[in-house]
C-alpha atoms as a PDB file:
ATOM      1  CA  MET A   1      28.981 -63.130  87.278  1.00  0.00           C
ATOM      2  CA  SER A   2      28.126 -60.139  89.444  1.00  0.00           C
ATOM      3  CA  HIS A   3      30.798 -58.487  91.612  1.00  0.00           C
ATOM      4  CA  HIS A   4      28.246 -57.364  94.197  1.00  0.00           C
ATOM      5  CA  GLN A   5      28.286 -58.727  97.691  1.00  0.00           C
ATOM      6  CA  ALA A   6      25.582 -61.232  98.534  1.00  0.00           C
ATOM      7  CA  GLY A   7      22.313 -59.509  99.389  1.00  0.00           C
ATOM      8  CA  THR A   8      23.254 -56.104  97.845  1.00  0.00           C
ATOM      9  CA  PHE A   9      21.948 -54.689  94.607  1.00  0.00           C
ATOM     10  CA  PRO A  10      23.232 -51.804  92.503  1.00  0.00           C
ATOM     11  CA  THR A  11      21.411 -48.598  93.249  1.00  0.00           C
ATOM     12  CA  ALA A  12      20.109 -46.246  90.600  1.00  0.00           C
ATOM     13  CA  PRO A  13      22.077 -43.025  90.316  1.00  0.00           C
ATOM     14  CA  GLY A  14      20.594 -40.120  92.160  1.00  0.00           C
ATOM     15  CA  PRO A  15      19.136 -37.074  90.533  1.00  0.00           C
ATOM     16  CA  GLN A  16      21.485 -34.920  88.457  1.00  0.00           C
ATOM     17  CA  CYS A  17      21.657 -31.221  87.689  1.00  0.00           C
ATOM     18  CA  ALA A  18      19.234 -30.306  84.884  1.00  0.00           C
ATOM     19  CA  PHE A  19      21.929 -28.264  83.102  1.00  0.00           C
ATOM     20  CA  PRO A  20      22.910 -30.063  79.876  1.00  0.00           C
ATOM     21  CA  GLY A  21      26.060 -32.127  80.359  1.00  0.00           C
ATOM     22  CA  CYS A  22      26.301 -31.567  84.124  1.00  0.00           C
ATOM     23  CA  THR A  23      26.416 -34.749  86.198  1.00  0.00           C
ATOM     24  CA  ARG A  24      26.575 -33.136  89.590  1.00  0.00           C
ATOM     25  CA  PRO A  25      23.714 -33.619  92.006  1.00  0.00           C
ATOM     26  CA  PRO A  26      21.187 -30.819  92.450  1.00  0.00           C
ATOM     27  CA  ALA A  27      21.886 -28.392  95.271  1.00  0.00           C
ATOM     28  CA  PRO A  28      20.357 -29.589  98.544  1.00  0.00           C
ATOM     29  CA  LYS A  29      17.006 -28.027  99.401  1.00  0.00           C
ATOM     30  CA  ASP A  30      16.791 -25.973 102.540  1.00  0.00           C
ATOM     31  CA  PRO A  31      14.037 -27.728 104.487  1.00  0.00           C
ATOM     32  CA  ALA A  32      12.952 -24.359 105.874  1.00  0.00           C
ATOM     33  CA  GLN A  33      12.212 -23.072 102.340  1.00  0.00           C
ATOM     34  CA  PRO A  34       8.891 -24.024 100.752  1.00  0.00           C
ATOM     35  CA  GLY A  35       8.685 -25.386  97.221  1.00  0.00           C
ATOM     36  CA  ARG A  36      10.186 -28.094  95.153  1.00  0.00           C
ATOM     37  CA  PRO A  37      13.710 -29.380  95.472  1.00  0.00           C
ATOM     38  CA  ALA A  38      16.346 -27.695  93.340  1.00  0.00           C
ATOM     39  CA  LYS A  39      16.825 -28.922  89.773  1.00  0.00           C
ATOM     40  CA  TYR A  40      20.298 -27.422  89.337  1.00  0.00           C
ATOM     41  CA  CYS A  41      23.599 -27.914  91.165  1.00  0.00           C
ATOM     42  CA  ASP A  42      25.275 -25.222  93.245  1.00  0.00           C
ATOM     43  CA  ASP A  43      27.150 -23.815  90.204  1.00  0.00           C
ATOM     44  CA  PRO A  44      25.773 -20.240  89.860  1.00  0.00           C
ATOM     45  CA  ALA A  45      25.948 -20.535  86.026  1.00  0.00           C
ATOM     46  CA  HIS A  46      23.558 -23.494  86.099  1.00  0.00           C
ATOM     47  CA  HIS A  47      20.042 -22.127  86.146  1.00  0.00           C
ATOM     48  CA  ARG A  48      16.908 -22.399  83.979  1.00  0.00           C
ATOM     49  CA  VAL A  49      17.694 -19.615  81.501  1.00  0.00           C
ATOM     50  CA  ALA A  50      21.312 -20.752  81.022  1.00  0.00           C
ATOM     51  CA  ALA A  51      20.127 -24.356  80.628  1.00  0.00           C
ATOM     52  CA  PHE A  52      17.615 -23.294  77.962  1.00  0.00           C
ATOM     53  CA  ARG A  53      20.294 -21.342  76.073  1.00  0.00           C
ATOM     54  CA  GLU A  54      22.735 -24.258  76.318  1.00  0.00           C
ATOM     55  CA  LYS A  55      20.099 -26.694  74.991  1.00  0.00           C
ATOM     56  CA  GLU A  56      19.387 -24.303  72.114  1.00  0.00           C
ATOM     57  CA  ARG A  57      23.102 -23.939  71.364  1.00  0.00           C
ATOM     58  CA  ARG A  58      23.588 -27.709  71.347  1.00  0.00           C
ATOM     59  CA  GLU A  59      20.590 -28.139  69.017  1.00  0.00           C
ATOM     60  CA  ARG A  60      22.002 -25.520  66.625  1.00  0.00           C
ATOM     61  CA  GLN A  61      25.398 -27.186  66.755  1.00  0.00           C
ATOM     62  CA  ALA A  62      23.874 -30.616  66.059  1.00  0.00           C
ATOM     63  CA  ALA A  63      21.870 -29.142  63.140  1.00  0.00           C
ATOM     64  CA  ALA A  64      24.993 -27.485  61.742  1.00  0.00           C
ATOM     65  CA  GLU A  65      26.954 -30.728  62.033  1.00  0.00           C
ATOM     66  CA  ALA A  66      24.140 -32.667  60.352  1.00  0.00           C
ATOM     67  CA  THR A  67      23.968 -30.064  57.596  1.00  0.00           C
ATOM     68  CA  ALA A  68      27.773 -30.215  57.092  1.00  0.00           C
ATOM     69  CA  ALA A  69      27.606 -34.009  56.931  1.00  0.00           C
ATOM     70  CA  ALA A  70      24.774 -33.867  54.387  1.00  0.00           C
ATOM     71  CA  VAL A  71      26.698 -31.326  52.289  1.00  0.00           C
ATOM     72  CA  GLY A  72      29.739 -33.590  52.450  1.00  0.00           C
ATOM     73  CA  ARG A  73      27.687 -36.552  51.211  1.00  0.00           C
ATOM     74  CA  LEU A  74      26.183 -34.387  48.486  1.00  0.00           C
ATOM     75  CA  GLU A  75      29.616 -33.224  47.341  1.00  0.00           C
ATOM     76  CA  SER A  76      30.829 -36.796  47.307  1.00  0.00           C
ATOM     77  CA  ALA A  77      27.818 -37.831  45.243  1.00  0.00           C
ATOM     78  CA  ARG A  78      28.460 -34.959  42.836  1.00  0.00           C
ATOM     79  CA  THR A  79      32.076 -36.064  42.444  1.00  0.00           C
ATOM     80  CA  VAL A  80      31.041 -39.667  41.801  1.00  0.00           C
ATOM     81  CA  THR A  81      28.395 -38.505  39.340  1.00  0.00           C
ATOM     82  CA  ALA A  82      30.855 -36.259  37.519  1.00  0.00           C
ATOM     83  CA  GLU A  83      33.402 -39.079  37.296  1.00  0.00           C
ATOM     84  CA  ALA A  84      30.735 -41.477  36.051  1.00  0.00           C
ATOM     85  CA  GLY A  85      29.573 -38.864  33.517  1.00  0.00           C
ATOM     86  CA  ALA A  86      33.136 -38.370  32.300  1.00  0.00           C
ATOM     87  CA  SER A  87      33.511 -42.156  31.947  1.00  0.00           C
ATOM     88  CA  VAL A  88      30.292 -42.396  29.976  1.00  0.00           C
ATOM     89  CA  ILE A  89      31.361 -39.525  27.682  1.00  0.00           C
ATOM     90  CA  GLU A  90      34.716 -41.238  27.084  1.00  0.00           C
ATOM     91  CA  LEU A  91      32.962 -44.549  26.369  1.00  0.00           C
ATOM     92  CA  VAL A  92      30.621 -42.833  23.881  1.00  0.00           C
ATOM     93  CA  ARG A  93      33.570 -41.231  22.135  1.00  0.00           C
ATOM     94  CA  ARG A  94      35.341 -44.596  21.850  1.00  0.00           C
ATOM     95  CA  LEU A  95      32.176 -46.207  20.562  1.00  0.00           C
ATOM     96  CA  GLU A  96      31.742 -43.442  17.967  1.00  0.00           C
ATOM     97  CA  ASP A  97      35.354 -44.022  16.783  1.00  0.00           C
ATOM     98  CA  GLU A  98      34.756 -47.798  16.590  1.00  0.00           C
ATOM     99  CA  ILE A  99      31.516 -47.301  14.678  1.00  0.00           C
ATOM    100  CA  ARG A 100      33.242 -44.966  12.197  1.00  0.00           C
ATOM    101  CA  ARG A 101      36.033 -47.517  11.741  1.00  0.00           C
ATOM    102  CA  LEU A 102      33.530 -50.332  11.161  1.00  0.00           C
ATOM    103  CA  LEU A 103      31.530 -48.206   8.726  1.00  0.00           C
ATOM    104  CA  ASP A 104      34.697 -47.344   6.770  1.00  0.00           C
ATOM    105  CA  GLU A 105      35.626 -51.008   6.693  1.00  0.00           C
ATOM    106  CA  ALA A 106      32.141 -51.953   5.546  1.00  0.00           C
ATOM    107  CA  ALA A 107      32.259 -49.276   2.803  1.00  0.00           C
ATOM    108  CA  ARG A 108      35.639 -50.639   1.605  1.00  0.00           C
ATOM    109  CA  SER A 109      34.227 -54.160   1.643  1.00  0.00           C
ATOM    110  CA  ALA A 110      31.193 -53.023  -0.372  1.00  0.00           C
ATOM    111  CA  VAL A 111      33.457 -51.411  -2.971  1.00  0.00           C
ATOM    112  CA  ARG A 112      35.585 -54.570  -3.132  1.00  0.00           C
ATOM    113  CA  ILE A 113      32.456 -56.740  -3.535  1.00  0.00           C
ATOM    114  CA  GLU A 114      31.235 -54.475  -6.304  1.00  0.00           C
ATOM    115  CA  GLU A 115      34.636 -54.706  -8.037  1.00  0.00           C
ATOM    116  CA  LEU A 116      34.571 -58.495  -7.732  1.00  0.00           C
ATOM    117  CA  GLU A 117      31.032 -58.691  -9.128  1.00  0.00           C
ATOM    118  CA  GLN A 118      32.084 -56.549 -12.065  1.00  0.00           C
ATOM    119  CA  GLU A 119      35.093 -58.813 -12.659  1.00  0.00           C
ATOM    120  CA  VAL A 120      32.897 -61.910 -12.522  1.00  0.00           C
ATOM    121  CA  ALA A 121      30.490 -60.291 -14.976  1.00  0.00           C
ATOM    122  CA  ARG A 122      33.353 -59.325 -17.304  1.00  0.00           C
ATOM    123  CA  LEU A 123      34.809 -62.828 -17.178  1.00  0.00           C
ATOM    124  CA  THR A 124      31.434 -64.358 -17.740  1.00  0.00           C
ATOM    125  CA  LEU A 125      30.863 -62.171 -20.813  1.00  0.00           C
ATOM    126  CA  SER A 126      34.347 -62.775 -22.162  1.00  0.00           C
ATOM    127  CA  GLY A 127      33.908 -66.514 -21.619  1.00  0.00           C
ATOM    128  CA  ARG A 128      30.747 -66.565 -23.726  1.00  0.00           C
ATOM    129  CA  GLY A 129      32.523 -64.856 -26.539  1.00  0.00           C
ATOM    130  CA  ASN A 130      35.246 -67.544 -26.621  1.00  0.00           C
ATOM    131  CA  ARG A 131      32.799 -70.488 -27.037  1.00  0.00           C
ATOM    132  CA  PRO A 132      32.906 -72.318 -30.367  1.00  0.00           C
END
């Protein structure tokens, strides 16, 4: 619900000083002077050259802040990548250890199987010699 009185409407704000960040109204134009109305307020530091310099300064500051933010994101990504790389390296080392253990176990099993086959062959041969 609007808080305006019946029959009244909000008015658009009037013109503002063209200096970046200044919300004061432009200086009033002397009707006796020819030309356009003033674009800047009555602050003597607010004029076209100063406004241009202030806009440039703000753009440089915004670019520096954007660069700093991008560098921060890049550093964060590098940290995450390094941590992930370290995790992968550790995982590979563990897998290498496990593979070595399994290969050793398989080699021991192969030796045991060979020993058992030799025992079976020996028993088979000795059993043939004992037949009547």
